[in-house]
């Protein structure tokens, strides 16, 4: 990943993080005020849920700051994987929120509680849904532009708040006809959030542990390597190292046994340079002699 891509990644992450912090604080104030004015404990609780989103957004900002730090003596491969750690933390927050939805839904059902809100609550809830989904879409757009997993995670966190507001709005509209609808929808949304958290945590941990290069990626490397060497060098033993802000790959090639050290170095150096230019990856190549 080149410096231009990393700069864009950092810029969008900071924009999304600060925008999220400001909007979430404003929505917290609106929801809390609406909850007090309408006597709705659910809206007050949802307000605190919104404020919790600011925490995940702060992690986006922290990630943007630390994951793009240059390599140093203690971290020779850079700090890109800090983004994965932050994504896992947001995934854990989604799990906590999802479990809280399940607990609250069951408690409401057992107590036969119905959602009772006024006009103020309806307006504030609709505004919250639109603004939170807007934040989610901006985060997802940033993820598509930069492939920054932290933005995807924060986008789903925004959507979790939007979905919780949808649950409240549905309860407002039809709760007077079906008393348990608020409880049921809370549990449905909770399982959706738990699955999302599972997907975020699984994908982040998979990169940290280490993943095999995909067949498509290996094919691209082979094509470039064969063109660079202008001979059959038989690539094998691929190992991919994803550091988020850059990718490194190691593999073996076979060269004739009578090939000099200087010739071998020239061939491998050309392959490494071409891979860096074409795929923006750093390659380390081991040479095996053809018997």
Protein backbone atom coordinates (compact mmCIF):
# COMPACT_ATOMS: atom_id res chain seq x y z
CA UNK A 1 0.00 0.00 0.00
CA UNK A 2 1.64 3.24 -1.16
CA UNK A 3 1.99 6.47 0.80
CA UNK A 4 -0.85 8.12 -1.16
CA UNK A 5 -3.28 5.33 -0.21
CA UNK A 6 -2.17 5.46 3.42
CA UNK A 7 -2.64 9.24 3.49
CA UNK A 8 -6.20 8.88 2.13
CA UNK A 9 -6.91 6.14 4.67
CA UNK A 10 -5.76 8.36 7.53
CA UNK A 11 -7.63 11.43 6.22
CA UNK A 12 -11.00 9.67 5.82
CA UNK A 13 -10.65 7.88 9.17
CA UNK A 14 -10.05 11.21 10.94
CA UNK A 15 -12.97 12.87 9.12
CA UNK A 16 -15.32 10.01 10.00
CA UNK A 17 -14.13 9.92 13.60
CA UNK A 18 -14.57 13.63 14.31
CA UNK A 19 -17.90 13.80 12.46
CA UNK A 20 -19.16 10.85 14.49
CA UNK A 21 -18.10 12.35 17.81
CA UNK A 22 -19.85 15.67 17.09
CA UNK A 23 -23.08 14.14 15.72
CA UNK A 24 -23.33 11.55 18.52
CA UNK A 25 -22.96 14.18 21.23
CA UNK A 26 -25.69 16.30 19.58
CA UNK A 27 -27.99 13.28 19.27
CA UNK A 28 -27.31 12.31 22.88
CA UNK A 29 -28.53 15.74 23.98
CA UNK A 30 -31.65 15.54 21.77
CA UNK A 31 -32.61 12.02 22.85
CA UNK A 32 -31.98 12.71 26.51
CA UNK A 33 -34.09 15.88 26.35
CA UNK A 34 -36.88 14.06 24.49
CA UNK A 35 -36.77 11.21 27.00
CA UNK A 36 -37.10 13.57 29.95
CA UNK A 37 -39.84 15.62 28.28
CA UNK A 38 -41.90 12.54 27.32
CA UNK A 39 -41.13 10.55 30.45
CA UNK A 40 -39.61 7.76 28.33
CA UNK A 41 -36.93 5.70 30.06
CA UNK A 42 -36.34 3.82 26.78
CA UNK A 43 -35.34 7.04 25.01
CA UNK A 44 -33.06 8.01 27.88
CA UNK A 45 -31.39 4.59 27.64
CA UNK A 46 -31.12 4.98 23.86
CA UNK A 47 -29.47 8.35 24.44
CA UNK A 48 -26.73 6.71 26.48
CA UNK A 49 -26.43 4.06 23.74
CA UNK A 50 -25.78 6.88 21.27
CA UNK A 51 -23.16 8.41 23.55
CA UNK A 52 -21.40 5.03 23.63
CA UNK A 53 -20.93 5.35 19.86
CA UNK A 54 -18.64 8.29 20.54
CA UNK A 55 -16.33 5.85 22.29
CA UNK A 56 -15.99 3.72 19.16
CA UNK A 57 -15.45 6.87 17.10
CA UNK A 58 -12.67 7.91 19.44
CA UNK A 59 -11.06 4.54 18.71
CA UNK A 60 -11.27 5.36 15.00
CA UNK A 61 -9.36 8.58 15.70
CA UNK A 62 -6.83 6.77 17.88
CA UNK A 63 -6.43 4.13 15.17
CA UNK A 64 -5.91 6.80 12.50
CA UNK A 65 -3.21 8.31 14.70
CA UNK A 66 -1.29 5.18 15.68
CA UNK A 67 -1.85 2.72 12.80
CA UNK A 68 -0.13 5.09 10.36
CA UNK A 69 2.96 5.68 12.45
CA UNK A 70 6.12 4.80 10.59
CA UNK A 71 8.07 1.66 11.45
CA UNK A 72 10.49 1.99 14.33
CA UNK A 73 13.04 -0.15 16.13
CA UNK A 74 10.43 -1.91 18.28
CA UNK A 75 7.94 -2.30 15.42
CA UNK A 76 9.92 -2.84 12.19
CA UNK A 77 6.77 -3.70 10.20
CA UNK A 78 4.86 -0.56 11.16
CA UNK A 79 1.77 -0.08 13.33
CA UNK A 80 -1.00 -0.92 10.85
CA UNK A 81 -2.35 -3.83 12.87
CA UNK A 82 -3.41 -1.39 15.61
CA UNK A 83 -6.42 -0.87 13.34
CA UNK A 84 -7.33 -4.55 13.76
CA UNK A 85 -7.12 -4.27 17.55
CA UNK A 86 -9.46 -1.26 17.46
CA UNK A 87 -11.87 -3.17 15.19
CA UNK A 88 -11.96 -6.05 17.68
CA UNK A 89 -12.74 -3.61 20.49
CA UNK A 90 -15.66 -2.17 18.52
CA UNK A 91 -16.85 -5.73 17.83
CA UNK A 92 -16.85 -6.38 21.58
CA UNK A 93 -18.88 -3.19 22.11
CA UNK A 94 -21.44 -4.48 19.59
CA UNK A 95 -21.67 -7.75 21.52
CA UNK A 96 -22.30 -5.86 24.77
CA UNK A 97 -25.00 -3.75 23.07
CA UNK A 98 -26.60 -6.83 21.49
CA UNK A 99 -26.72 -8.71 24.79
CA UNK A 100 -28.20 -5.63 26.46
CA UNK A 101 -30.96 -5.56 23.79
CA UNK A 102 -31.75 -9.22 24.52
CA UNK A 103 -31.83 -8.62 28.27
CA UNK A 104 -34.00 -5.53 27.88
CA UNK A 105 -36.35 -7.26 25.44
CA UNK A 106 -36.88 -10.25 27.72
CA UNK A 107 -37.38 -8.00 30.73
CA UNK A 108 -39.98 -5.91 28.88
CA UNK A 109 -41.81 -9.04 27.75
CA UNK A 110 -41.91 -10.56 31.24
CA UNK A 111 -43.16 -7.26 32.69
CA UNK A 112 -45.66 -6.85 29.80
CA UNK A 113 -44.34 -3.32 29.17
CA UNK A 114 -45.51 -1.29 26.20
CA UNK A 115 -43.71 1.60 24.52
CA UNK A 116 -45.48 4.87 25.24
CA UNK A 117 -44.04 7.95 23.57
CA UNK A 118 -45.23 11.38 22.52
CA UNK A 119 -44.83 13.52 19.37
CA UNK A 120 -41.47 14.87 20.53
CA UNK A 121 -40.15 11.34 20.81
CA UNK A 122 -41.32 10.53 17.27
CA UNK A 123 -39.55 13.54 15.72
CA UNK A 124 -36.31 12.99 17.62
CA UNK A 125 -36.33 9.27 16.82
CA UNK A 126 -36.80 9.86 13.08
CA UNK A 127 -34.01 12.47 13.10
CA UNK A 128 -31.78 10.01 14.93
CA UNK A 129 -32.46 7.23 12.41
CA UNK A 130 -31.62 9.45 9.44
CA UNK A 131 -28.48 10.95 10.96
CA UNK A 132 -27.11 7.65 12.26
CA UNK A 133 -27.72 5.88 8.97
CA UNK A 134 -26.03 8.83 7.26
CA UNK A 135 -22.97 8.32 9.48
CA UNK A 136 -23.05 4.59 8.73
CA UNK A 137 -23.15 5.21 4.98
CA UNK A 138 -20.23 7.67 5.23
CA UNK A 139 -18.20 5.10 7.19
CA UNK A 140 -19.02 2.34 4.68
CA UNK A 141 -18.07 4.68 1.82
CA UNK A 142 -14.74 5.33 3.54
CA UNK A 143 -14.24 1.58 3.94
CA UNK A 144 -14.85 1.00 0.22
CA UNK A 145 -12.38 3.78 -0.67
CA UNK A 146 -9.61 2.72 1.70
CA UNK A 147 -10.36 -0.88 2.81
CA UNK A 148 -9.93 0.30 6.42
CA UNK A 149 -11.63 -2.34 8.59
CA UNK A 150 -11.99 0.13 11.47
CA UNK A 151 -14.38 2.21 9.31
CA UNK A 152 -16.49 -0.84 8.51
CA UNK A 153 -16.68 -1.69 12.22
CA UNK A 154 -17.63 1.87 13.18
CA UNK A 155 -20.21 1.94 10.36
CA UNK A 156 -21.96 -1.07 11.85
CA UNK A 157 -21.81 0.54 15.27
CA UNK A 158 -23.62 3.58 13.85
CA UNK A 159 -26.15 1.30 12.20
CA UNK A 160 -26.72 -0.49 15.51
CA UNK A 161 -27.89 2.79 17.01
CA UNK A 162 -30.04 3.48 13.94
CA UNK A 163 -31.63 0.04 14.28
CA UNK A 164 -32.32 0.57 17.96
CA UNK A 165 -34.12 3.81 17.05
CA UNK A 166 -36.09 1.92 14.38
CA UNK A 167 -37.20 -0.51 17.08
CA UNK A 168 -38.42 2.39 19.21
CA UNK A 169 -40.19 4.00 16.24
CA UNK A 170 -41.97 0.75 15.37
CA UNK A 171 -42.98 0.48 18.99
CA UNK A 172 -44.41 3.99 18.77
CA UNK A 173 -46.42 3.24 15.62
CA UNK A 174 -47.86 -0.20 16.37
CA UNK A 175 -47.13 -0.73 20.03
CA UNK A 176 -50.69 0.20 20.96
CA UNK A 177 -51.96 -2.78 18.92
CA UNK A 178 -49.29 -5.39 19.75
CA UNK A 179 -47.99 -4.89 23.25
CA UNK A 180 -44.98 -7.22 22.89
CA UNK A 181 -43.67 -5.91 19.53
CA UNK A 182 -40.99 -3.71 21.14
CA UNK A 183 -39.62 -6.68 23.07
CA UNK A 184 -39.60 -8.98 20.04
CA UNK A 185 -37.88 -6.50 17.72
CA UNK A 186 -35.25 -5.76 20.36
CA UNK A 187 -34.23 -9.42 20.38
CA UNK A 188 -34.25 -9.66 16.54
CA UNK A 189 -31.98 -6.61 16.23
CA UNK A 190 -29.74 -8.01 18.98
CA UNK A 191 -29.05 -11.23 17.07
CA UNK A 192 -28.32 -9.20 13.95
CA UNK A 193 -25.77 -7.15 15.89
CA UNK A 194 -24.20 -10.25 17.44
CA UNK A 195 -23.67 -11.76 13.99
CA UNK A 196 -22.12 -8.50 12.76
CA UNK A 197 -19.80 -8.39 15.78
CA UNK A 198 -18.82 -12.02 15.11
CA UNK A 199 -17.97 -11.18 11.48
CA UNK A 200 -15.89 -8.11 12.44
CA UNK A 201 -13.94 -9.93 15.17
CA UNK A 202 -13.42 -13.05 13.06
CA UNK A 203 -12.05 -11.15 10.05
CA UNK A 204 -9.72 -9.04 12.23
CA UNK A 205 -8.36 -12.01 14.18
CA UNK A 206 -7.89 -13.94 10.92
CA UNK A 207 -5.55 -11.23 9.60
CA UNK A 208 -3.64 -11.07 12.90
CA UNK A 209 -3.14 -14.85 12.96
CA UNK A 210 -2.14 -14.91 9.29
CA UNK A 211 -4.00 -15.87 6.13
CA UNK A 212 -3.07 -17.85 3.06
CA UNK A 213 -2.70 -15.89 -0.16
CA UNK A 214 -5.77 -16.35 -2.37
CA UNK A 215 -5.37 -18.29 -5.66
CA UNK A 216 -6.19 -15.10 -7.57
CA UNK A 217 -3.45 -13.17 -5.74
CA UNK A 218 -0.92 -15.97 -6.31
CA UNK A 219 -1.80 -16.00 -10.00
CA UNK A 220 -1.08 -12.26 -10.30
CA UNK A 221 2.28 -12.73 -8.56
CA UNK A 222 3.16 -15.65 -10.86
CA UNK A 223 2.33 -13.71 -14.03
CA UNK A 224 4.47 -10.72 -13.00
CA UNK A 225 7.35 -12.93 -11.79
CA UNK A 226 7.44 -15.00 -14.99
CA UNK A 227 7.41 -11.85 -17.13
CA UNK A 228 10.23 -10.34 -15.05
CA UNK A 229 12.45 -13.42 -15.13
CA UNK A 230 11.65 -14.29 -18.79
CA UNK A 231 11.98 -17.99 -17.94
CA UNK A 232 10.21 -20.79 -16.05
CA UNK A 233 11.19 -20.20 -12.43
CA UNK A 234 8.47 -22.34 -10.73
CA UNK A 235 7.11 -20.28 -7.82
CA UNK A 236 6.16 -22.15 -4.63
CA UNK A 237 5.96 -21.85 -0.82
CA UNK A 238 3.89 -18.66 -0.75
CA UNK A 239 3.55 -16.87 2.61
CA UNK A 240 1.46 -13.69 2.95
CA UNK A 241 2.05 -11.12 5.71
CA UNK A 242 -0.71 -8.51 5.97
CA UNK A 243 0.31 -5.48 8.05
CA UNK A 244 -2.82 -3.52 7.01
CA UNK A 245 -0.97 -0.44 5.78
CA UNK A 246 1.28 -2.64 3.63
CA UNK A 247 1.54 -6.27 2.52
CA UNK A 248 4.63 -8.44 2.34
CA UNK A 249 5.00 -11.80 0.64
CA UNK A 250 7.70 -14.46 0.67
CA UNK A 251 8.07 -17.30 -1.82
CA UNK A 252 10.62 -19.62 -3.44
CA UNK A 253 11.74 -19.76 -7.06
CA UNK A 254 13.90 -22.31 -8.87
CA UNK A 255 16.90 -21.32 -10.99
CA UNK A 256 19.52 -23.41 -12.81
CA UNK A 257 22.23 -24.76 -10.55
CA UNK A 258 24.96 -23.09 -12.57
CA UNK A 259 23.38 -19.65 -12.12
CA UNK A 260 25.83 -17.31 -10.34
CA UNK A 261 24.99 -15.42 -7.16
CA UNK A 262 25.09 -12.17 -9.11
CA UNK A 263 22.69 -13.51 -11.75
CA UNK A 264 20.31 -14.86 -9.09
CA UNK A 265 20.35 -11.52 -7.29
CA UNK A 266 19.63 -9.64 -10.51
CA UNK A 267 16.62 -11.85 -11.31
CA UNK A 268 15.10 -11.71 -7.81
CA UNK A 269 15.69 -7.96 -7.55
CA UNK A 270 13.85 -7.34 -10.82
CA UNK A 271 10.91 -9.51 -9.68
CA UNK A 272 10.73 -7.65 -6.35
CA UNK A 273 10.79 -4.25 -8.05
CA UNK A 274 8.07 -5.26 -10.55
CA UNK A 275 5.84 -6.63 -7.77
CA UNK A 276 6.31 -3.42 -5.79
CA UNK A 277 5.36 -1.33 -8.83
CA UNK A 278 2.45 -3.47 -10.07
CA UNK A 279 0.87 -4.74 -6.84
CA UNK A 280 2.32 -2.39 -4.16
CA UNK A 281 3.67 -5.30 -2.14
CA UNK A 282 7.11 -6.04 -0.67
CA UNK A 283 8.52 -9.43 -1.70
CA UNK A 284 11.30 -11.56 -0.23
CA UNK A 285 12.42 -14.34 -2.56
CA UNK A 286 14.35 -17.53 -1.74
CA UNK A 287 16.22 -19.24 -4.58
CA UNK A 288 16.29 -23.04 -4.93
CA UNK A 289 18.70 -24.65 -7.42
CA UNK A 290 17.33 -26.92 -10.15
CA UNK A 291 19.10 -30.24 -9.73
